[in-house]
Amino acid sequence: MNPILNQLAGGIVVSCQAAPGSPMDRPDILTAFAQCARQAGAVGIRANHGPNIAAISRAVDLPVIGIKKRDVEGFEVYITPEWQDVMEAHNAGAGIIAMDATNRPRPGREDFATLARRVHDELGGLVMADVSTFEEGVAAAEAGADIVATTMSGYTAYTELTEGRKAVPGPDLELVARLAAALAQAGRNVPIICEGRVHAPAHARAAFESGAFAVVVGTAITAPAWIAAQFVQAAKPR
């Protein structure tokens, strides 16, 4: 297995991102989050936007999963949608490039498989596929993804959380388990990373028990406004 993947095995990756306009959306602050994650024993960092990736890569000796979130008019895909976005993350120091691999139209002429091949051939990097369904995960592995992640489950129009699914909050453990079992059975050595709505340590443990290779945690660690809101809501009379 690739040495970078070996570093991630069985560990927690901390997503050090901030929404545009957030007081936390500064390279120095996000780097401090990454340094704290390193001290806590995290095995990797996920970061968005070239300046943030570069600052974190210089300060933290952990694998960085780099993305570039960019809205493109007329398209729903916004996580590393085109080659220029791949290059921004790569040039900033990301050893793994995460890209949307959902079954939705993406801008430009290159599909996920083409972008993944270019990352391998031209950059010598690794590719993480952010998917929302079992079928997308299998297709991404077949298209050359080095890692498949459940990042987009619940965030595409065809997987949005319904009233029935809201009864079981947290990550999509069923998707993690199905993908891990299916890819192993098919003889594909493609790790499954659980990402999305991992809001408590128990969620992370359940993800590993479901077959996750590693787990990405973001909001519950690096979104102070969200964390504070949980306490504010709990204090309100019921």
Protein backbone atom coordinates (compact mmCIF):
# COMPACT_ATOMS: atom_id res chain seq x y z
CA MET A 1 0.00 0.00 0.00
CA ASN A 2 1.12 3.56 -0.68
CA PRO A 3 3.08 5.01 2.29
CA ILE A 4 0.67 7.95 2.56
CA LEU A 5 -2.27 5.58 2.83
CA ASN A 6 -0.40 3.60 5.47
CA GLN A 7 -0.18 6.77 7.53
CA LEU A 8 -3.95 7.22 7.40
CA ALA A 9 -4.89 3.65 8.26
CA GLY A 10 -7.05 3.35 11.35
CA GLY A 11 -6.85 7.01 12.26
CA ILE A 12 -8.73 10.28 12.40
CA VAL A 13 -8.34 12.91 9.69
CA VAL A 14 -9.37 16.38 10.82
CA SER A 15 -11.03 18.64 8.28
CA CYS A 16 -9.68 22.15 8.93
CA GLN A 17 -12.04 24.30 6.89
CA ALA A 18 -14.20 27.35 7.49
CA ALA A 19 -17.15 28.73 5.60
CA PRO A 20 -16.54 31.93 3.61
CA GLY A 21 -17.19 34.90 5.85
CA SER A 22 -16.53 32.95 9.03
CA PRO A 23 -14.14 34.59 11.53
CA MET A 24 -12.19 31.32 11.34
CA ASP A 25 -11.55 31.59 7.60
CA ARG A 26 -7.89 32.60 7.85
CA PRO A 27 -4.80 30.53 7.03
CA ASP A 28 -3.22 31.18 10.42
CA ILE A 29 -6.32 30.09 12.33
CA LEU A 30 -6.88 26.98 10.22
CA THR A 31 -3.19 26.13 10.59
CA ALA A 32 -3.56 26.38 14.37
CA PHE A 33 -6.47 23.94 14.17
CA ALA A 34 -4.28 21.58 12.15
CA GLN A 35 -1.47 21.85 14.69
CA CYS A 36 -3.88 21.06 17.50
CA ALA A 37 -5.14 18.06 15.53
CA ARG A 38 -1.55 16.88 15.13
CA GLN A 39 -0.94 17.20 18.87
CA ALA A 40 -4.09 15.19 19.54
CA GLY A 41 -2.90 12.32 17.36
CA ALA A 42 -4.72 12.93 14.10
CA VAL A 43 -3.19 11.12 11.13
CA GLY A 44 -4.10 13.60 8.39
CA ILE A 45 -5.69 16.93 7.53
CA ARG A 46 -8.31 17.85 4.95
CA ALA A 47 -8.09 21.46 3.78
CA ASN A 48 -9.70 23.75 1.23
CA HIS A 49 -8.20 26.54 -0.90
CA GLY A 50 -4.59 26.98 -1.95
CA PRO A 51 -3.39 29.49 0.68
CA ASN A 52 -4.87 27.40 3.51
CA ILE A 53 -3.42 24.16 2.16
CA ALA A 54 0.00 25.77 1.74
CA ALA A 55 0.04 27.20 5.26
CA ILE A 56 -1.02 23.89 6.80
CA SER A 57 1.42 21.85 4.68
CA ARG A 58 4.32 24.00 5.86
CA ALA A 59 3.37 23.76 9.52
CA VAL A 60 2.14 20.18 9.96
CA ASP A 61 3.98 16.97 9.04
CA LEU A 62 0.84 15.02 8.17
CA PRO A 63 -0.68 13.97 4.84
CA VAL A 64 -2.94 16.72 3.52
CA ILE A 65 -6.08 15.94 1.55
CA GLY A 66 -6.52 19.03 -0.57
CA ILE A 67 -9.66 20.35 -2.22
CA LYS A 68 -10.77 23.52 -3.91
CA LYS A 69 -14.41 24.42 -3.38
CA ARG A 70 -15.62 26.57 -6.24
CA ASP A 71 -19.15 27.29 -7.36
CA VAL A 72 -19.61 27.10 -11.12
CA GLU A 73 -22.82 28.56 -12.52
CA GLY A 74 -25.12 25.87 -13.88
CA PHE A 75 -23.43 22.97 -12.05
CA GLU A 76 -23.95 21.38 -8.63
CA VAL A 77 -20.42 19.94 -8.42
CA TYR A 78 -18.24 22.30 -6.39
CA ILE A 79 -15.50 20.16 -4.78
CA THR A 80 -12.44 20.38 -7.05
CA PRO A 81 -14.58 20.59 -10.20
CA GLU A 82 -11.87 21.12 -12.85
CA TRP A 83 -8.17 20.63 -13.53
CA GLN A 84 -7.29 24.17 -12.49
CA ASP A 85 -8.69 23.34 -9.05
CA VAL A 86 -6.67 20.14 -8.90
CA MET A 87 -3.54 22.12 -9.68
CA GLU A 88 -4.25 24.72 -7.01
CA ALA A 89 -4.48 22.02 -4.34
CA HIS A 90 -1.45 20.13 -5.68
CA ASN A 91 0.78 23.20 -5.99
CA ALA A 92 -0.11 24.17 -2.44
CA GLY A 93 1.26 20.89 -1.14
CA ALA A 94 -1.62 18.41 -1.03
CA GLY A 95 -0.47 14.82 -1.52
CA ILE A 96 -4.03 13.61 -1.93
CA ILE A 97 -6.53 15.40 -4.14
CA ALA A 98 -10.19 14.94 -3.22
CA MET A 99 -12.75 15.43 -5.98
CA ASP A 100 -16.50 15.13 -6.34
CA ALA A 101 -17.22 11.75 -7.95
CA THR A 102 -21.00 11.90 -7.83
CA ASN A 103 -23.15 11.05 -10.81
CA ARG A 104 -23.77 14.69 -11.69
CA PRO A 105 -22.60 16.83 -14.63
CA ARG A 106 -19.37 18.64 -13.92
CA PRO A 107 -18.00 21.73 -15.66
CA GLY A 108 -15.31 21.41 -18.30
CA ARG A 109 -14.64 18.58 -20.71
CA GLU A 110 -12.95 16.19 -18.30
CA ASP A 111 -14.87 13.66 -16.25
CA PHE A 112 -13.74 12.19 -12.93
CA ALA A 113 -11.89 9.29 -14.55
CA THR A 114 -9.90 11.64 -16.78
CA LEU A 115 -9.00 13.93 -13.89
CA ALA A 116 -7.98 10.98 -11.74
CA ARG A 117 -5.74 9.63 -14.48
CA ARG A 118 -4.06 13.01 -14.89
CA VAL A 119 -3.43 13.28 -11.14
CA HIS A 120 -1.70 9.90 -11.27
CA ASP A 121 0.21 10.37 -14.51
CA GLU A 122 1.12 14.06 -14.41
CA LEU A 123 1.37 14.78 -10.70
CA GLY A 124 2.13 11.42 -9.12
CA GLY A 125 -0.55 12.12 -6.54
CA LEU A 126 -3.37 10.15 -4.97
CA VAL A 127 -7.09 10.66 -5.62
CA MET A 128 -9.90 10.59 -3.10
CA ALA A 129 -13.41 10.26 -4.55
CA ASP A 130 -16.20 12.03 -2.67
CA VAL A 131 -19.36 10.02 -3.39
CA SER A 132 -22.97 9.89 -2.20
CA THR A 133 -24.14 6.40 -3.18
CA PHE A 134 -22.93 2.82 -3.37
CA GLU A 135 -23.01 2.86 -7.19
CA GLU A 136 -20.92 6.03 -7.30
CA GLY A 137 -18.37 4.51 -4.94
CA VAL A 138 -17.95 1.37 -7.04
CA ALA A 139 -17.71 3.43 -10.23
CA ALA A 140 -15.11 5.73 -8.67
CA ALA A 141 -12.95 2.76 -7.66
CA GLU A 142 -13.20 1.39 -11.18
CA ALA A 143 -12.28 4.82 -12.54
CA GLY A 144 -9.01 4.85 -10.61
CA ALA A 145 -9.75 6.40 -7.22
CA ASP A 146 -7.17 5.50 -4.58
CA ILE A 147 -9.67 6.22 -1.79
CA VAL A 148 -13.46 6.33 -1.77
CA ALA A 149 -15.15 8.58 0.81
CA THR A 150 -18.80 8.91 1.80
CA THR A 151 -18.50 12.71 1.93
CA MET A 152 -21.48 13.54 -0.26
CA SER A 153 -24.02 11.11 1.20
CA GLY A 154 -27.01 13.23 2.21
CA TYR A 155 -25.76 16.22 0.24
CA THR A 156 -26.93 15.40 -3.28
CA ALA A 157 -30.51 15.91 -4.42
CA TYR A 158 -31.04 12.15 -4.63
CA THR A 159 -29.59 11.38 -1.17
CA GLU A 160 -30.87 14.31 0.87
CA LEU A 161 -31.89 13.30 4.36
CA THR A 162 -35.57 12.49 4.54
CA GLU A 163 -37.75 12.50 7.65
CA GLY A 164 -37.20 8.76 7.95
CA ARG A 165 -33.41 9.03 7.82
CA LYS A 166 -33.30 11.90 10.29
CA ALA A 167 -34.31 9.41 12.98
CA VAL A 168 -30.76 8.04 12.75
CA PRO A 169 -28.41 11.05 12.76
CA GLY A 170 -24.74 10.73 12.03
CA PRO A 171 -22.62 9.26 9.24
CA ASP A 172 -23.89 6.90 6.57
CA LEU A 173 -22.60 3.71 8.17
CA GLU A 174 -24.61 1.51 5.83
CA LEU A 175 -22.83 3.02 2.84
CA VAL A 176 -19.45 2.56 4.52
CA ALA A 177 -20.17 -1.10 5.21
CA ARG A 178 -21.56 -1.86 1.75
CA LEU A 179 -18.64 -0.25 -0.06
CA ALA A 180 -15.99 -1.82 2.17
CA ALA A 181 -17.47 -5.28 1.70
CA ALA A 182 -18.10 -4.97 -2.04
CA LEU A 183 -14.68 -3.60 -2.96
CA ALA A 184 -12.92 -6.18 -0.81
CA GLN A 185 -14.93 -8.96 -2.40
CA ALA A 186 -14.07 -7.62 -5.85
CA GLY A 187 -10.39 -7.71 -4.94
CA ARG A 188 -9.99 -3.93 -5.16
CA ASN A 189 -7.56 -2.58 -2.59
CA VAL A 190 -9.40 0.74 -2.31
CA PRO A 191 -9.83 2.03 1.26
CA ILE A 192 -13.16 3.47 2.36
CA ILE A 193 -13.09 6.67 4.37
CA CYS A 194 -16.11 7.69 6.39
CA GLU A 195 -16.81 11.40 6.11
CA GLY A 196 -19.91 13.45 6.78
CA ARG A 197 -21.85 14.09 10.00
CA VAL A 198 -19.30 12.42 12.28
CA HIS A 199 -20.39 14.52 15.24
CA ALA A 200 -19.32 12.41 18.21
CA PRO A 201 -16.55 9.96 19.17
CA ALA A 202 -19.15 7.17 19.14
CA HIS A 203 -19.83 7.93 15.47
CA ALA A 204 -16.16 7.49 14.66
CA ARG A 205 -15.96 4.19 16.54
CA ALA A 206 -19.09 2.93 14.75
CA ALA A 207 -17.56 3.91 11.41
CA PHE A 208 -14.44 1.82 12.08
CA GLU A 209 -16.62 -1.07 13.18
CA SER A 210 -18.51 -0.74 9.89
CA GLY A 211 -15.31 -1.17 7.89
CA ALA A 212 -13.93 2.36 7.52
CA PHE A 213 -10.22 2.60 6.77
CA ALA A 214 -10.06 6.08 8.31
CA VAL A 215 -12.56 8.68 9.48
CA VAL A 216 -12.74 12.38 8.64
CA VAL A 217 -14.10 14.69 11.34
CA GLY A 218 -14.68 18.36 10.63
CA THR A 219 -17.56 20.34 12.09
CA ALA A 220 -17.46 18.70 15.52
CA ILE A 221 -13.82 19.76 15.94
CA THR A 222 -13.18 22.83 13.80
CA ALA A 223 -16.48 24.72 13.70
CA PRO A 224 -16.72 26.70 16.97
CA ALA A 225 -19.98 28.41 15.99
CA TRP A 226 -21.65 25.05 15.38
CA ILE A 227 -20.26 23.60 18.61
CA ALA A 228 -21.43 26.61 20.62
CA ALA A 229 -24.87 26.40 19.02
CA GLN A 230 -25.31 22.86 20.34
CA PHE A 231 -24.97 24.16 23.90
CA VAL A 232 -27.15 27.20 23.21
CA GLN A 233 -29.91 24.98 21.85
CA ALA A 234 -29.59 22.61 24.81
CA ALA A 235 -30.07 25.51 27.22
CA LYS A 236 -33.37 26.59 25.72
CA PRO A 237 -36.55 25.53 27.52
CA ARG A 238 -38.27 22.53 25.96
